[in-house]
Amino acid sequence: MFLVNESKLQFIIHTQHKTFVKLMIVRISSV
């Protein structure tokens, strides 16, 4: 149970990080 929750958390963090990086790239490209 704990391992499943941990992997889920890792996945969420990874997805959010990718989205953040995309936003930063778009921001840098705009400027």
PDB file of N, CA and C in Angstrom:
ATOM      1  N   MET A   1       0.845  -1.197   0.000  1.00  0.00           N
ATOM      2  CA  MET A   1       0.000   0.000   0.000  1.00  0.00           C
ATOM      3  C   MET A   1       0.883   1.252   0.000  1.00  0.00           C
ATOM      4  N   PHE A   2       1.831   1.277   0.899  1.00  0.00           N
ATOM      5  CA  PHE A   2       2.714   2.445   0.994  1.00  0.00           C
ATOM      6  C   PHE A   2       3.536   2.616  -0.291  1.00  0.00           C
ATOM      7  N   LEU A   3       4.032   1.506  -0.816  1.00  0.00           N
ATOM      8  CA  LEU A   3       4.826   1.558  -2.043  1.00  0.00           C
ATOM      9  C   LEU A   3       3.995   2.089  -3.208  1.00  0.00           C
ATOM     10  N   VAL A   4       2.751   1.639  -3.285  1.00  0.00           N
ATOM     11  CA  VAL A   4       1.868   2.102  -4.362  1.00  0.00           C
ATOM     12  C   VAL A   4       1.646   3.607  -4.234  1.00  0.00           C
ATOM     13  N   ASN A   5       1.382   4.066  -3.021  1.00  0.00           N
ATOM     14  CA  ASN A   5       1.173   5.500  -2.805  1.00  0.00           C
ATOM     15  C   ASN A   5       2.431   6.289  -3.153  1.00  0.00           C
ATOM     16  N   GLU A   6       3.566   5.747  -2.804  1.00  0.00           N
ATOM     17  CA  GLU A   6       4.826   6.443  -3.076  1.00  0.00           C
ATOM     18  C   GLU A   6       5.057   6.568  -4.576  1.00  0.00           C
ATOM     19  N   SER A   7       4.817   5.495  -5.319  1.00  0.00           N
ATOM     20  CA  SER A   7       5.013   5.549  -6.771  1.00  0.00           C
ATOM     21  C   SER A   7       4.018   6.515  -7.406  1.00  0.00           C
ATOM     22  N   LYS A   8       2.807   6.536  -6.860  1.00  0.00           N
ATOM     23  CA  LYS A   8       1.790   7.471  -7.362  1.00  0.00           C
ATOM     24  C   LYS A   8       2.254   8.902  -7.131  1.00  0.00           C
ATOM     25  N   LEU A   9       2.787   9.154  -5.965  1.00  0.00           N
ATOM     26  CA  LEU A   9       3.284  10.475  -5.626  1.00  0.00           C
ATOM     27  C   LEU A   9       4.433  10.866  -6.565  1.00  0.00           C
ATOM     28  N   GLN A  10       5.335   9.922  -6.799  1.00  0.00           N
ATOM     29  CA  GLN A  10       6.458  10.171  -7.711  1.00  0.00           C
ATOM     30  C   GLN A  10       5.941  10.527  -9.096  1.00  0.00           C
ATOM     31  N   PHE A  11       4.912   9.808  -9.552  1.00  0.00           N
ATOM     32  CA  PHE A  11       4.344  10.059 -10.877  1.00  0.00           C
ATOM     33  C   PHE A  11       3.752  11.466 -10.946  1.00  0.00           C
ATOM     34  N   ILE A  12       3.023  11.850  -9.915  1.00  0.00           N
ATOM     35  CA  ILE A  12       2.409  13.188  -9.860  1.00  0.00           C
ATOM     36  C   ILE A  12       3.493  14.261  -9.888  1.00  0.00           C
ATOM     37  N   ILE A  13       4.528  14.068  -9.084  1.00  0.00           N
ATOM     38  CA  ILE A  13       5.639  15.030  -9.028  1.00  0.00           C
ATOM     39  C   ILE A  13       6.300  15.124 -10.402  1.00  0.00           C
ATOM     40  N   HIS A  14       6.516  13.977 -11.036  1.00  0.00           N
ATOM     41  CA  HIS A  14       7.160  13.938 -12.350  1.00  0.00           C
ATOM     42  C   HIS A  14       6.310  14.681 -13.383  1.00  0.00           C
ATOM     43  N   THR A  15       5.007  14.436 -13.360  1.00  0.00           N
ATOM     44  CA  THR A  15       4.097  15.079 -14.308  1.00  0.00           C
ATOM     45  C   THR A  15       4.072  16.578 -14.086  1.00  0.00           C
ATOM     46  N   GLN A  16       3.980  16.989 -12.822  1.00  0.00           N
ATOM     47  CA  GLN A  16       3.961  18.421 -12.515  1.00  0.00           C
ATOM     48  C   GLN A  16       5.271  19.074 -12.938  1.00  0.00           C
ATOM     49  N   HIS A  17       6.372  18.368 -12.744  1.00  0.00           N
ATOM     50  CA  HIS A  17       7.677  18.908 -13.115  1.00  0.00           C
ATOM     51  C   HIS A  17       7.747  19.117 -14.632  1.00  0.00           C
ATOM     52  N   LYS A  18       7.262  18.144 -15.398  1.00  0.00           N
ATOM     53  CA  LYS A  18       7.262  18.257 -16.858  1.00  0.00           C
ATOM     54  C   LYS A  18       6.433  19.463 -17.294  1.00  0.00           C
ATOM     55  N   THR A  19       5.285  19.629 -16.672  1.00  0.00           N
ATOM     56  CA  THR A  19       4.407  20.756 -17.006  1.00  0.00           C
ATOM     57  C   THR A  19       5.106  22.072 -16.676  1.00  0.00           C
ATOM     58  N   PHE A  20       5.763  22.119 -15.546  1.00  0.00           N
ATOM     59  CA  PHE A  20       6.487  23.325 -15.122  1.00  0.00           C
ATOM     60  C   PHE A  20       7.600  23.653 -16.118  1.00  0.00           C
ATOM     61  N   VAL A  21       8.346  22.642 -16.523  1.00  0.00           N
ATOM     62  CA  VAL A  21       9.441  22.844 -17.487  1.00  0.00           C
ATOM     63  C   VAL A  21       8.873  23.369 -18.808  1.00  0.00           C
ATOM     64  N   LYS A  22       7.752  22.790 -19.249  1.00  0.00           N
ATOM     65  CA  LYS A  22       7.109  23.251 -20.488  1.00  0.00           C
ATOM     66  C   LYS A  22       6.734  24.723 -20.369  1.00  0.00           C
ATOM     67  N   LEU A  23       6.145  25.095 -19.249  1.00  0.00           N
ATOM     68  CA  LEU A  23       5.748  26.490 -19.038  1.00  0.00           C
ATOM     69  C   LEU A  23       6.962  27.409 -19.074  1.00  0.00           C
ATOM     70  N   MET A  24       8.036  26.993 -18.444  1.00  0.00           N
ATOM     71  CA  MET A  24       9.252  27.797 -18.426  1.00  0.00           C
ATOM     72  C   MET A  24       9.807  27.977 -19.842  1.00  0.00           C
ATOM     73  N   ILE A  25       9.796  26.911 -20.628  1.00  0.00           N
ATOM     74  CA  ILE A  25      10.299  26.969 -22.004  1.00  0.00           C
ATOM     75  C   ILE A  25       9.439  27.942 -22.814  1.00  0.00           C
ATOM     76  N   VAL A  26       8.139  27.854 -22.658  1.00  0.00           N
ATOM     77  CA  VAL A  26       7.222  28.754 -23.368  1.00  0.00           C
ATOM     78  C   VAL A  26       7.503  30.197 -22.946  1.00  0.00           C
ATOM     79  N   ARG A  27       7.721  30.397 -21.682  1.00  0.00           N
ATOM     80  CA  ARG A  27       7.983  31.736 -21.156  1.00  0.00           C
ATOM     81  C   ARG A  27       9.283  32.291 -21.739  1.00  0.00           C
ATOM     82  N   ILE A  28      10.314  31.491 -21.763  1.00  0.00           N
ATOM     83  CA  ILE A  28      11.616  31.910 -22.289  1.00  0.00           C
ATOM     84  C   ILE A  28      11.490  32.202 -23.792  1.00  0.00           C
ATOM     85  N   SER A  29      10.728  31.385 -24.500  1.00  0.00           N
ATOM     86  CA  SER A  29      10.539  31.575 -25.934  1.00  0.00           C
ATOM     87  C   SER A  29       9.781  32.869 -26.214  1.00  0.00           C
ATOM     88  N   SER A  30       8.820  33.183 -25.365  1.00  0.00           N
ATOM     89  CA  SER A  30       8.010  34.389 -25.547  1.00  0.00           C
ATOM     90  C   SER A  30       8.847  35.652 -25.362  1.00  0.00           C
ATOM     91  N   VAL A  31       9.747  35.609 -24.391  1.00  0.00           N
ATOM     92  CA  VAL A  31      10.555  36.793 -24.053  1.00  0.00           C
ATOM     93  C   VAL A  31      11.727  36.970 -25.004  1.00  0.00           C
TER      94      VAL A  31
END
